[in-house]
Amino acid sequence: MRRTGSSYRRRDKYLRFVVPALLVIVAVIIFPWVFTVFMSLHDWQVASPRRWVGLANYANLLEDERFRAAIGRTFVYTLLAVVFPVVIGVAAAVVFHREFPLRGLLRSIYILPMVATPVAIALVWTMMFHPQLGVLNYLLSLVGLPPSLWVYSPQTVIPSLVLVETWQWTPLVMLIVLGGLAALPVEPMESAVIDGAGAWQIFRDITLPLVMPFVMVAVVLRTIDALKAFDTIFTITQGGPGVASETINIYLYLQAFSFFRIGHASAVVIVFFVIIVACSLSLLALRQRLRWA
């Protein structure tokens, strides 16, 4: 009987900690998602009664050319916003892994863009992108290049936004890869040097394969972050000019808070969530294969 009473007391103490946590999870995570699914099955607009439409909102998304174009822009933006920071970040990590004077100071300066808030960065870059008053066109004129419209042209707005993303988040990739380089054994590199291998051969055949799991971590984090990018794009372009930089997040915001199509926007949320999960699982599976290859 004492053991039974003791087990009951332990279970009671256990429930005191578990139940509040479960209630928080239900209130903060589960209920919003269930309610979002519920809203996506209704034709629901602000100041209008909701009407059950089933999967009609999802069918309308498939027929919405503007939504399909937003998906394409999102993937293009994500691809560029992952490739450039990863390539430059790996190169920077290799450089900062070596010993040289003022390495600590330069490394601290290099990671400063990552510390600033995205909206503040976006406002500064908006002034730099100005065709007449911006410093970027002035720098182009110094090297004899013609001025650019940057974010004011449909042809250059996505690359310009990727430039901001690359400047801000390359330091994150550098830090992740730098941690991986610090954990690598030095024996394979020393043996390669003794055998006469050059710096590029050592990096290509030894360093890069060993540090690839860390690179994949950076790729996963950057992919998720770029897919859901909103604050920088909205602050600089609001999806313009026209709809040239309207990604899924911008499209979602406009549907919900400009056009007040709550049911339609909720369907976008569900579809966007599925896209993010699919991309994340694919990258994690690839990382697992590279880890054990």
C-alpha atoms as a PDB file:
ATOM      1  CA  MET A   1       0.000   0.000   0.000  1.00  0.00           C
ATOM      2  CA  ARG A   2       2.875   2.371   0.721  1.00  0.00           C
ATOM      3  CA  ARG A   3       4.272   1.776  -2.745  1.00  0.00           C
ATOM      4  CA  THR A   4       0.875   2.466  -4.265  1.00  0.00           C
ATOM      5  CA  GLY A   5       0.498   5.686  -2.299  1.00  0.00           C
ATOM      6  CA  SER A   6       4.009   6.731  -3.247  1.00  0.00           C
ATOM      7  CA  SER A   7       3.335   6.079  -6.933  1.00  0.00           C
ATOM      8  CA  TYR A   8       0.135   8.142  -6.750  1.00  0.00           C
ATOM      9  CA  ARG A   9       2.040  11.016  -5.182  1.00  0.00           C
ATOM     10  CA  ARG A  10       4.726  10.824  -7.851  1.00  0.00           C
ATOM     11  CA  ARG A  11       2.089  10.784 -10.577  1.00  0.00           C
ATOM     12  CA  ASP A  12       0.345  13.766  -8.984  1.00  0.00           C
ATOM     13  CA  LYS A  13       3.601  15.747  -8.938  1.00  0.00           C
ATOM     14  CA  TYR A  14       4.264  14.687 -12.521  1.00  0.00           C
ATOM     15  CA  LEU A  15       0.847  15.891 -13.687  1.00  0.00           C
ATOM     16  CA  ARG A  16       1.346  19.249 -11.980  1.00  0.00           C
ATOM     17  CA  PHE A  17       4.222  19.929 -14.358  1.00  0.00           C
ATOM     18  CA  VAL A  18       2.913  18.203 -17.482  1.00  0.00           C
ATOM     19  CA  VAL A  19      -0.684  19.477 -17.583  1.00  0.00           C
ATOM     20  CA  PRO A  20       0.190  23.223 -17.620  1.00  0.00           C
ATOM     21  CA  ALA A  21       2.699  22.589 -20.413  1.00  0.00           C
ATOM     22  CA  LEU A  22       0.102  20.659 -22.417  1.00  0.00           C
ATOM     23  CA  LEU A  23      -2.428  23.447 -21.929  1.00  0.00           C
ATOM     24  CA  VAL A  24       0.069  26.010 -23.205  1.00  0.00           C
ATOM     25  CA  ILE A  25       0.867  23.857 -26.255  1.00  0.00           C
ATOM     26  CA  VAL A  26      -2.827  23.410 -27.022  1.00  0.00           C
ATOM     27  CA  ALA A  27      -3.550  27.125 -26.596  1.00  0.00           C
ATOM     28  CA  VAL A  28      -0.515  28.448 -28.489  1.00  0.00           C
ATOM     29  CA  ILE A  29       0.086  25.839 -31.202  1.00  0.00           C
ATOM     30  CA  ILE A  30      -2.694  23.302 -31.692  1.00  0.00           C
ATOM     31  CA  PHE A  31      -5.763  25.554 -31.389  1.00  0.00           C
ATOM     32  CA  PRO A  32      -4.478  28.224 -33.854  1.00  0.00           C
ATOM     33  CA  TRP A  33      -3.775  25.549 -36.457  1.00  0.00           C
ATOM     34  CA  VAL A  34      -7.141  23.849 -35.989  1.00  0.00           C
ATOM     35  CA  PHE A  35      -8.882  27.231 -36.211  1.00  0.00           C
ATOM     36  CA  THR A  36      -6.874  28.123 -39.342  1.00  0.00           C
ATOM     37  CA  VAL A  37      -7.996  24.895 -41.016  1.00  0.00           C
ATOM     38  CA  PHE A  38     -11.567  25.689 -39.947  1.00  0.00           C
ATOM     39  CA  MET A  39     -11.343  29.188 -41.470  1.00  0.00           C
ATOM     40  CA  SER A  40      -9.848  27.843 -44.706  1.00  0.00           C
ATOM     41  CA  LEU A  41     -13.014  25.798 -45.272  1.00  0.00           C
ATOM     42  CA  HIS A  42     -15.230  28.898 -45.177  1.00  0.00           C
ATOM     43  CA  ASP A  43     -15.847  31.922 -47.333  1.00  0.00           C
ATOM     44  CA  TRP A  44     -15.075  34.361 -44.540  1.00  0.00           C
ATOM     45  CA  GLN A  45     -14.596  38.077 -45.009  1.00  0.00           C
ATOM     46  CA  VAL A  46     -14.400  40.851 -42.432  1.00  0.00           C
ATOM     47  CA  ALA A  47     -17.822  42.263 -41.455  1.00  0.00           C
ATOM     48  CA  SER A  48     -19.566  39.445 -43.360  1.00  0.00           C
ATOM     49  CA  PRO A  49     -21.044  36.193 -42.086  1.00  0.00           C
ATOM     50  CA  ARG A  50     -18.979  33.102 -42.785  1.00  0.00           C
ATOM     51  CA  ARG A  51     -20.225  30.533 -45.275  1.00  0.00           C
ATOM     52  CA  TRP A  52     -19.108  26.913 -45.558  1.00  0.00           C
ATOM     53  CA  VAL A  53     -17.403  26.258 -48.906  1.00  0.00           C
ATOM     54  CA  GLY A  54     -15.375  23.124 -48.171  1.00  0.00           C
ATOM     55  CA  LEU A  55     -12.273  22.864 -50.349  1.00  0.00           C
ATOM     56  CA  ALA A  56     -13.340  25.669 -52.690  1.00  0.00           C
ATOM     57  CA  ASN A  57     -10.670  28.030 -51.322  1.00  0.00           C
ATOM     58  CA  TYR A  58      -7.968  25.488 -52.160  1.00  0.00           C
ATOM     59  CA  ALA A  59      -9.429  24.970 -55.644  1.00  0.00           C
ATOM     60  CA  ASN A  60      -9.434  28.730 -56.179  1.00  0.00           C
ATOM     61  CA  LEU A  61      -5.749  28.860 -55.238  1.00  0.00           C
ATOM     62  CA  LEU A  62      -4.907  26.375 -57.982  1.00  0.00           C
ATOM     63  CA  GLU A  63      -6.694  28.603 -60.498  1.00  0.00           C
ATOM     64  CA  ASP A  64      -5.231  31.854 -59.158  1.00  0.00           C
ATOM     65  CA  GLU A  65      -2.468  32.902 -61.540  1.00  0.00           C
ATOM     66  CA  ARG A  66      -1.236  35.522 -59.094  1.00  0.00           C
ATOM     67  CA  PHE A  67      -0.775  32.864 -56.388  1.00  0.00           C
ATOM     68  CA  ARG A  68       1.069  30.529 -58.767  1.00  0.00           C
ATOM     69  CA  ALA A  69       3.357  33.379 -59.781  1.00  0.00           C
ATOM     70  CA  ALA A  70       3.992  34.158 -56.096  1.00  0.00           C
ATOM     71  CA  ILE A  71       5.047  30.535 -55.547  1.00  0.00           C
ATOM     72  CA  GLY A  72       7.499  30.776 -58.443  1.00  0.00           C
ATOM     73  CA  ARG A  73       8.982  34.023 -57.128  1.00  0.00           C
ATOM     74  CA  THR A  74       9.273  32.523 -53.654  1.00  0.00           C
ATOM     75  CA  PHE A  75      11.286  29.569 -54.929  1.00  0.00           C
ATOM     76  CA  VAL A  76      13.524  31.774 -57.090  1.00  0.00           C
ATOM     77  CA  TYR A  77      14.118  34.130 -54.171  1.00  0.00           C
ATOM     78  CA  THR A  78      14.786  31.205 -51.818  1.00  0.00           C
ATOM     79  CA  LEU A  79      17.220  29.519 -54.203  1.00  0.00           C
ATOM     80  CA  LEU A  80      19.260  32.691 -54.673  1.00  0.00           C
ATOM     81  CA  ALA A  81      19.045  33.621 -50.972  1.00  0.00           C
ATOM     82  CA  VAL A  82      20.450  30.204 -50.045  1.00  0.00           C
ATOM     83  CA  VAL A  83      23.129  29.697 -52.698  1.00  0.00           C
ATOM     84  CA  PHE A  84      24.894  33.048 -52.344  1.00  0.00           C
ATOM     85  CA  PRO A  85      25.080  33.175 -48.510  1.00  0.00           C
ATOM     86  CA  VAL A  86      26.201  29.530 -48.355  1.00  0.00           C
ATOM     87  CA  VAL A  87      28.934  29.895 -50.981  1.00  0.00           C
ATOM     88  CA  ILE A  88      30.239  33.191 -49.580  1.00  0.00           C
ATOM     89  CA  GLY A  89      29.792  31.992 -45.984  1.00  0.00           C
ATOM     90  CA  VAL A  90      31.847  28.821 -46.593  1.00  0.00           C
ATOM     91  CA  ALA A  91      34.590  30.882 -48.236  1.00  0.00           C
ATOM     92  CA  ALA A  92      34.572  33.345 -45.326  1.00  0.00           C
ATOM     93  CA  ALA A  93      34.727  30.485 -42.814  1.00  0.00           C
ATOM     94  CA  VAL A  94      37.802  29.049 -44.534  1.00  0.00           C
ATOM     95  CA  VAL A  95      39.466  32.478 -44.455  1.00  0.00           C
ATOM     96  CA  PHE A  96      38.653  33.190 -40.797  1.00  0.00           C
ATOM     97  CA  HIS A  97      39.711  29.672 -39.787  1.00  0.00           C
ATOM     98  CA  ARG A  98      43.304  30.624 -40.568  1.00  0.00           C
ATOM     99  CA  GLU A  99      45.499  32.579 -38.184  1.00  0.00           C
ATOM    100  CA  PHE A 100      46.256  36.162 -39.242  1.00  0.00           C
ATOM    101  CA  PRO A 101      46.589  39.555 -37.508  1.00  0.00           C
ATOM    102  CA  LEU A 102      43.364  41.189 -36.266  1.00  0.00           C
ATOM    103  CA  ARG A 103      41.371  38.056 -37.067  1.00  0.00           C
ATOM    104  CA  GLY A 104      39.143  38.456 -33.994  1.00  0.00           C
ATOM    105  CA  LEU A 105      38.367  42.103 -34.744  1.00  0.00           C
ATOM    106  CA  LEU A 106      37.582  41.457 -38.415  1.00  0.00           C
ATOM    107  CA  ARG A 107      35.421  38.483 -37.533  1.00  0.00           C
ATOM    108  CA  SER A 108      33.446  40.605 -35.080  1.00  0.00           C
ATOM    109  CA  ILE A 109      32.903  43.273 -37.732  1.00  0.00           C
ATOM    110  CA  TYR A 110      31.873  40.620 -40.245  1.00  0.00           C
ATOM    111  CA  ILE A 111      29.000  39.338 -38.083  1.00  0.00           C
ATOM    112  CA  LEU A 112      27.566  42.798 -37.318  1.00  0.00           C
ATOM    113  CA  PRO A 113      24.901  42.660 -40.100  1.00  0.00           C
ATOM    114  CA  MET A 114      23.365  39.617 -38.446  1.00  0.00           C
ATOM    115  CA  VAL A 115      22.858  41.546 -35.199  1.00  0.00           C
ATOM    116  CA  ALA A 116      20.789  44.389 -36.660  1.00  0.00           C
ATOM    117  CA  THR A 117      17.010  44.154 -36.951  1.00  0.00           C
ATOM    118  CA  PRO A 118      15.666  43.327 -40.449  1.00  0.00           C
ATOM    119  CA  VAL A 119      13.407  46.401 -40.636  1.00  0.00           C
ATOM    120  CA  ALA A 120      16.252  48.771 -39.775  1.00  0.00           C
ATOM    121  CA  ILE A 121      18.442  47.085 -42.379  1.00  0.00           C
ATOM    122  CA  ALA A 122      15.647  47.326 -44.942  1.00  0.00           C
ATOM    123  CA  LEU A 123      15.244  51.063 -44.349  1.00  0.00           C
ATOM    124  CA  VAL A 124      18.970  51.672 -44.797  1.00  0.00           C
ATOM    125  CA  TRP A 125      19.092  49.611 -47.988  1.00  0.00           C
ATOM    126  CA  THR A 126      15.995  51.395 -49.312  1.00  0.00           C
ATOM    127  CA  MET A 127      17.944  54.663 -49.201  1.00  0.00           C
ATOM    128  CA  MET A 128      20.989  53.000 -50.772  1.00  0.00           C
ATOM    129  CA  PHE A 129      18.829  51.616 -53.611  1.00  0.00           C
ATOM    130  CA  HIS A 130      17.444  55.048 -54.587  1.00  0.00           C
ATOM    131  CA  PRO A 131      18.221  55.591 -58.306  1.00  0.00           C
ATOM    132  CA  GLN A 132      19.220  59.269 -57.898  1.00  0.00           C
ATOM    133  CA  LEU A 133      20.268  59.658 -54.275  1.00  0.00           C
ATOM    134  CA  GLY A 134      21.454  56.157 -53.398  1.00  0.00           C
ATOM    135  CA  VAL A 135      25.106  55.367 -52.780  1.00  0.00           C
ATOM    136  CA  LEU A 136      25.029  52.153 -54.838  1.00  0.00           C
ATOM    137  CA  ASN A 137      24.636  53.960 -58.172  1.00  0.00           C
ATOM    138  CA  TYR A 138      27.370  56.356 -57.112  1.00  0.00           C
ATOM    139  CA  LEU A 139      29.680  53.385 -56.514  1.00  0.00           C
ATOM    140  CA  LEU A 140      28.756  51.985 -59.931  1.00  0.00           C
ATOM    141  CA  SER A 141      29.655  55.313 -61.538  1.00  0.00           C
ATOM    142  CA  LEU A 142      33.107  55.201 -59.921  1.00  0.00           C
ATOM    143  CA  VAL A 143      33.939  52.002 -61.826  1.00  0.00           C
ATOM    144  CA  GLY A 144      32.345  53.160 -65.072  1.00  0.00           C
ATOM    145  CA  LEU A 145      29.156  51.077 -64.872  1.00  0.00           C
ATOM    146  CA  PRO A 146      25.717  52.450 -65.794  1.00  0.00           C
ATOM    147  CA  PRO A 147      23.214  53.163 -62.989  1.00  0.00           C
ATOM    148  CA  SER A 148      20.614  50.571 -62.046  1.00  0.00           C
ATOM    149  CA  LEU A 149      17.003  50.915 -60.969  1.00  0.00           C
ATOM    150  CA  TRP A 150      17.558  48.204 -58.322  1.00  0.00           C
ATOM    151  CA  VAL A 151      14.254  47.535 -56.499  1.00  0.00           C
ATOM    152  CA  TYR A 152      12.365  49.954 -58.768  1.00  0.00           C
ATOM    153  CA  SER A 153      12.554  47.645 -61.784  1.00  0.00           C
ATOM    154  CA  PRO A 154      10.710  44.290 -62.168  1.00  0.00           C
ATOM    155  CA  GLN A 155      13.836  42.796 -63.757  1.00  0.00           C
ATOM    156  CA  THR A 156      16.215  43.651 -60.901  1.00  0.00           C
ATOM    157  CA  VAL A 157      14.001  43.715 -57.805  1.00  0.00           C
ATOM    158  CA  ILE A 158      14.476  40.055 -56.818  1.00  0.00           C
ATOM    159  CA  PRO A 159      18.302  40.106 -57.244  1.00  0.00           C
ATOM    160  CA  SER A 160      18.412  43.367 -55.292  1.00  0.00           C
ATOM    161  CA  LEU A 161      16.432  41.873 -52.421  1.00  0.00           C
ATOM    162  CA  VAL A 162      18.692  38.815 -52.500  1.00  0.00           C
ATOM    163  CA  LEU A 163      21.654  41.193 -52.148  1.00  0.00           C
ATOM    164  CA  VAL A 164      20.199  42.454 -48.854  1.00  0.00           C
ATOM    165  CA  GLU A 165      19.510  38.914 -47.663  1.00  0.00           C
ATOM    166  CA  THR A 166      23.025  37.805 -48.569  1.00  0.00           C
ATOM    167  CA  TRP A 167      24.619  40.752 -46.788  1.00  0.00           C
ATOM    168  CA  GLN A 168      22.654  40.102 -43.603  1.00  0.00           C
ATOM    169  CA  TRP A 169      22.769  36.306 -43.289  1.00  0.00           C
ATOM    170  CA  THR A 170      26.112  35.261 -44.760  1.00  0.00           C
ATOM    171  CA  PRO A 171      27.674  35.731 -41.280  1.00  0.00           C
ATOM    172  CA  LEU A 172      25.307  33.078 -39.875  1.00  0.00           C
ATOM    173  CA  VAL A 173      26.522  30.543 -42.438  1.00  0.00           C
ATOM    174  CA  MET A 174      30.100  31.546 -41.690  1.00  0.00           C
ATOM    175  CA  LEU A 175      29.665  30.928 -37.957  1.00  0.00           C
ATOM    176  CA  ILE A 176      28.079  27.499 -38.485  1.00  0.00           C
ATOM    177  CA  VAL A 177      30.767  26.347 -40.905  1.00  0.00           C
ATOM    178  CA  LEU A 178      33.512  27.896 -38.784  1.00  0.00           C
ATOM    179  CA  GLY A 179      32.345  25.771 -35.850  1.00  0.00           C
ATOM    180  CA  GLY A 180      32.532  22.704 -38.079  1.00  0.00           C
ATOM    181  CA  LEU A 181      36.041  23.564 -39.245  1.00  0.00           C
ATOM    182  CA  ALA A 182      37.190  23.987 -35.644  1.00  0.00           C
ATOM    183  CA  ALA A 183      35.946  20.465 -34.852  1.00  0.00           C
ATOM    184  CA  LEU A 184      37.743  18.760 -37.751  1.00  0.00           C
ATOM    185  CA  PRO A 185      40.839  16.604 -37.090  1.00  0.00           C
ATOM    186  CA  VAL A 186      44.090  18.054 -38.389  1.00  0.00           C
ATOM    187  CA  GLU A 187      45.761  14.718 -39.216  1.00  0.00           C
ATOM    188  CA  PRO A 188      44.187  14.279 -42.696  1.00  0.00           C
ATOM    189  CA  MET A 189      45.242  17.806 -43.701  1.00  0.00           C
ATOM    190  CA  GLU A 190      48.782  17.288 -42.446  1.00  0.00           C
ATOM    191  CA  SER A 191      49.071  13.999 -44.317  1.00  0.00           C
ATOM    192  CA  ALA A 192      47.798  15.659 -47.495  1.00  0.00           C
ATOM    193  CA  VAL A 193      50.377  18.441 -47.168  1.00  0.00           C
ATOM    194  CA  ILE A 194      53.147  15.858 -46.733  1.00  0.00           C
ATOM    195  CA  ASP A 195      51.921  14.067 -49.865  1.00  0.00           C
ATOM    196  CA  GLY A 196      52.206  17.309 -51.820  1.00  0.00           C
ATOM    197  CA  ALA A 197      48.523  18.267 -52.133  1.00  0.00           C
ATOM    198  CA  GLY A 198      47.720  21.915 -52.795  1.00  0.00           C
ATOM    199  CA  ALA A 199      45.354  24.141 -50.831  1.00  0.00           C
ATOM    200  CA  TRP A 200      42.517  23.685 -53.341  1.00  0.00           C
ATOM    201  CA  GLN A 201      42.947  19.892 -53.394  1.00  0.00           C
ATOM    202  CA  ILE A 202      42.864  19.738 -49.593  1.00  0.00           C
ATOM    203  CA  PHE A 203      39.727  21.848 -49.467  1.00  0.00           C
ATOM    204  CA  ARG A 204      37.944  19.944 -52.252  1.00  0.00           C
ATOM    205  CA  ASP A 205      38.853  16.379 -51.240  1.00  0.00           C
ATOM    206  CA  ILE A 206      39.174  16.591 -47.443  1.00  0.00           C
ATOM    207  CA  THR A 207      37.851  19.766 -45.828  1.00  0.00           C
ATOM    208  CA  LEU A 208      34.606  20.166 -47.770  1.00  0.00           C
ATOM    209  CA  PRO A 209      33.425  16.520 -47.430  1.00  0.00           C
ATOM    210  CA  LEU A 210      34.158  16.558 -43.690  1.00  0.00           C
ATOM    211  CA  VAL A 211      32.401  19.879 -43.098  1.00  0.00           C
ATOM    212  CA  MET A 212      29.450  19.119 -45.407  1.00  0.00           C
ATOM    213  CA  PRO A 213      27.071  18.134 -42.536  1.00  0.00           C
ATOM    214  CA  PHE A 214      27.570  21.612 -41.064  1.00  0.00           C
ATOM    215  CA  VAL A 215      27.017  23.186 -44.478  1.00  0.00           C
ATOM    216  CA  MET A 216      23.739  21.267 -44.768  1.00  0.00           C
ATOM    217  CA  VAL A 217      22.631  22.619 -41.381  1.00  0.00           C
ATOM    218  CA  ALA A 218      23.234  26.124 -42.735  1.00  0.00           C
ATOM    219  CA  VAL A 219      21.336  25.251 -45.934  1.00  0.00           C
ATOM    220  CA  VAL A 220      18.324  23.977 -43.963  1.00  0.00           C
ATOM    221  CA  LEU A 221      18.215  27.050 -41.726  1.00  0.00           C
ATOM    222  CA  ARG A 222      18.650  29.451 -44.633  1.00  0.00           C
ATOM    223  CA  THR A 223      16.004  27.686 -46.728  1.00  0.00           C
ATOM    224  CA  ILE A 224      13.390  27.873 -43.982  1.00  0.00           C
ATOM    225  CA  ASP A 225      14.243  31.494 -43.243  1.00  0.00           C
ATOM    226  CA  ALA A 226      14.223  32.546 -46.923  1.00  0.00           C
ATOM    227  CA  LEU A 227      10.938  30.765 -47.637  1.00  0.00           C
ATOM    228  CA  LYS A 228       9.170  32.727 -44.929  1.00  0.00           C
ATOM    229  CA  ALA A 229      10.944  36.050 -45.558  1.00  0.00           C
ATOM    230  CA  PHE A 230       8.568  38.958 -45.123  1.00  0.00           C
ATOM    231  CA  ASP A 231       9.835  41.941 -43.141  1.00  0.00           C
ATOM    232  CA  THR A 232      12.697  42.945 -45.447  1.00  0.00           C
ATOM    233  CA  ILE A 233      10.686  42.506 -48.651  1.00  0.00           C
ATOM    234  CA  PHE A 234       7.615  44.289 -47.328  1.00  0.00           C
ATOM    235  CA  THR A 235       9.602  47.198 -45.911  1.00  0.00           C
ATOM    236  CA  ILE A 236      11.539  47.795 -49.139  1.00  0.00           C
ATOM    237  CA  THR A 237       9.002  47.031 -51.894  1.00  0.00           C
ATOM    238  CA  GLN A 238       5.610  46.004 -50.398  1.00  0.00           C
ATOM    239  CA  GLY A 239       5.624  43.392 -53.158  1.00  0.00           C
ATOM    240  CA  GLY A 240       6.260  45.883 -55.958  1.00  0.00           C
ATOM    241  CA  PRO A 241       6.888  47.261 -58.443  1.00  0.00           C
ATOM    242  CA  GLY A 242       3.484  45.927 -59.391  1.00  0.00           C
ATOM    243  CA  VAL A 243       3.670  42.335 -58.145  1.00  0.00           C
ATOM    244  CA  ALA A 244       7.290  41.728 -59.231  1.00  0.00           C
ATOM    245  CA  SER A 245       8.476  40.897 -55.689  1.00  0.00           C
ATOM    246  CA  GLU A 246       5.232  39.472 -54.318  1.00  0.00           C
ATOM    247  CA  THR A 247       6.230  36.234 -52.584  1.00  0.00           C
ATOM    248  CA  ILE A 248       3.790  33.892 -50.848  1.00  0.00           C
ATOM    249  CA  ASN A 249       4.090  35.774 -47.564  1.00  0.00           C
ATOM    250  CA  ILE A 250       3.381  39.125 -49.210  1.00  0.00           C
ATOM    251  CA  TYR A 251       0.450  37.606 -51.109  1.00  0.00           C
ATOM    252  CA  LEU A 252      -0.861  36.149 -47.848  1.00  0.00           C
ATOM    253  CA  TYR A 253      -0.572  39.476 -46.038  1.00  0.00           C
ATOM    254  CA  LEU A 254      -2.415  41.348 -48.771  1.00  0.00           C
ATOM    255  CA  GLN A 255      -5.215  38.793 -48.966  1.00  0.00           C
ATOM    256  CA  ALA A 256      -5.746  38.879 -45.201  1.00  0.00           C
ATOM    257  CA  PHE A 257      -5.185  42.525 -44.267  1.00  0.00           C
ATOM    258  CA  SER A 258      -5.790  44.480 -47.482  1.00  0.00           C
ATOM    259  CA  PHE A 259      -8.554  42.498 -49.169  1.00  0.00           C
ATOM    260  CA  PHE A 260      -9.881  40.966 -45.881  1.00  0.00           C
ATOM    261  CA  ARG A 261     -10.380  37.525 -47.480  1.00  0.00           C
ATOM    262  CA  ILE A 262      -9.799  35.587 -44.269  1.00  0.00           C
ATOM    263  CA  GLY A 263     -10.882  32.188 -45.584  1.00  0.00           C
ATOM    264  CA  HIS A 264      -8.768  32.509 -48.727  1.00  0.00           C
ATOM    265  CA  ALA A 265      -5.754  33.667 -46.698  1.00  0.00           C
ATOM    266  CA  SER A 266      -6.170  30.749 -44.289  1.00  0.00           C
ATOM    267  CA  ALA A 267      -5.997  28.334 -47.225  1.00  0.00           C
ATOM    268  CA  VAL A 268      -2.766  30.045 -48.293  1.00  0.00           C
ATOM    269  CA  VAL A 269      -1.363  29.499 -44.784  1.00  0.00           C
ATOM    270  CA  ILE A 270      -2.086  25.759 -44.933  1.00  0.00           C
ATOM    271  CA  VAL A 271      -0.580  25.372 -48.416  1.00  0.00           C
ATOM    272  CA  PHE A 272       2.472  27.416 -47.433  1.00  0.00           C
ATOM    273  CA  PHE A 273       2.945  25.303 -44.309  1.00  0.00           C
ATOM    274  CA  VAL A 274       2.888  22.126 -46.409  1.00  0.00           C
ATOM    275  CA  ILE A 275       5.487  23.608 -48.777  1.00  0.00           C
ATOM    276  CA  ILE A 276       7.818  24.546 -45.900  1.00  0.00           C
ATOM    277  CA  VAL A 277       7.478  21.118 -44.268  1.00  0.00           C
ATOM    278  CA  ALA A 278       8.120  19.326 -47.571  1.00  0.00           C
ATOM    279  CA  CYS A 279      11.240  21.404 -48.283  1.00  0.00           C
ATOM    280  CA  SER A 280      12.538  20.967 -44.730  1.00  0.00           C
ATOM    281  CA  LEU A 281      12.048  17.184 -44.715  1.00  0.00           C
ATOM    282  CA  SER A 282      13.739  16.862 -48.110  1.00  0.00           C
ATOM    283  CA  LEU A 283      16.765  18.832 -46.948  1.00  0.00           C
ATOM    284  CA  LEU A 284      16.967  16.918 -43.657  1.00  0.00           C
ATOM    285  CA  ALA A 285      16.855  13.612 -45.544  1.00  0.00           C
ATOM    286  CA  LEU A 286      19.630  14.853 -47.837  1.00  0.00           C
ATOM    287  CA  ARG A 287      21.672  15.945 -44.830  1.00  0.00           C
ATOM    288  CA  GLN A 288      21.246  12.506 -43.239  1.00  0.00           C
ATOM    289  CA  ARG A 289      22.448  10.806 -46.418  1.00  0.00           C
ATOM    290  CA  LEU A 290      25.486  13.055 -46.637  1.00  0.00           C
ATOM    291  CA  ARG A 291      26.251  12.450 -42.975  1.00  0.00           C
ATOM    292  CA  TRP A 292      26.509   8.706 -43.388  1.00  0.00           C
ATOM    293  CA  ALA A 293      27.903   8.667 -46.931  1.00  0.00           C
END
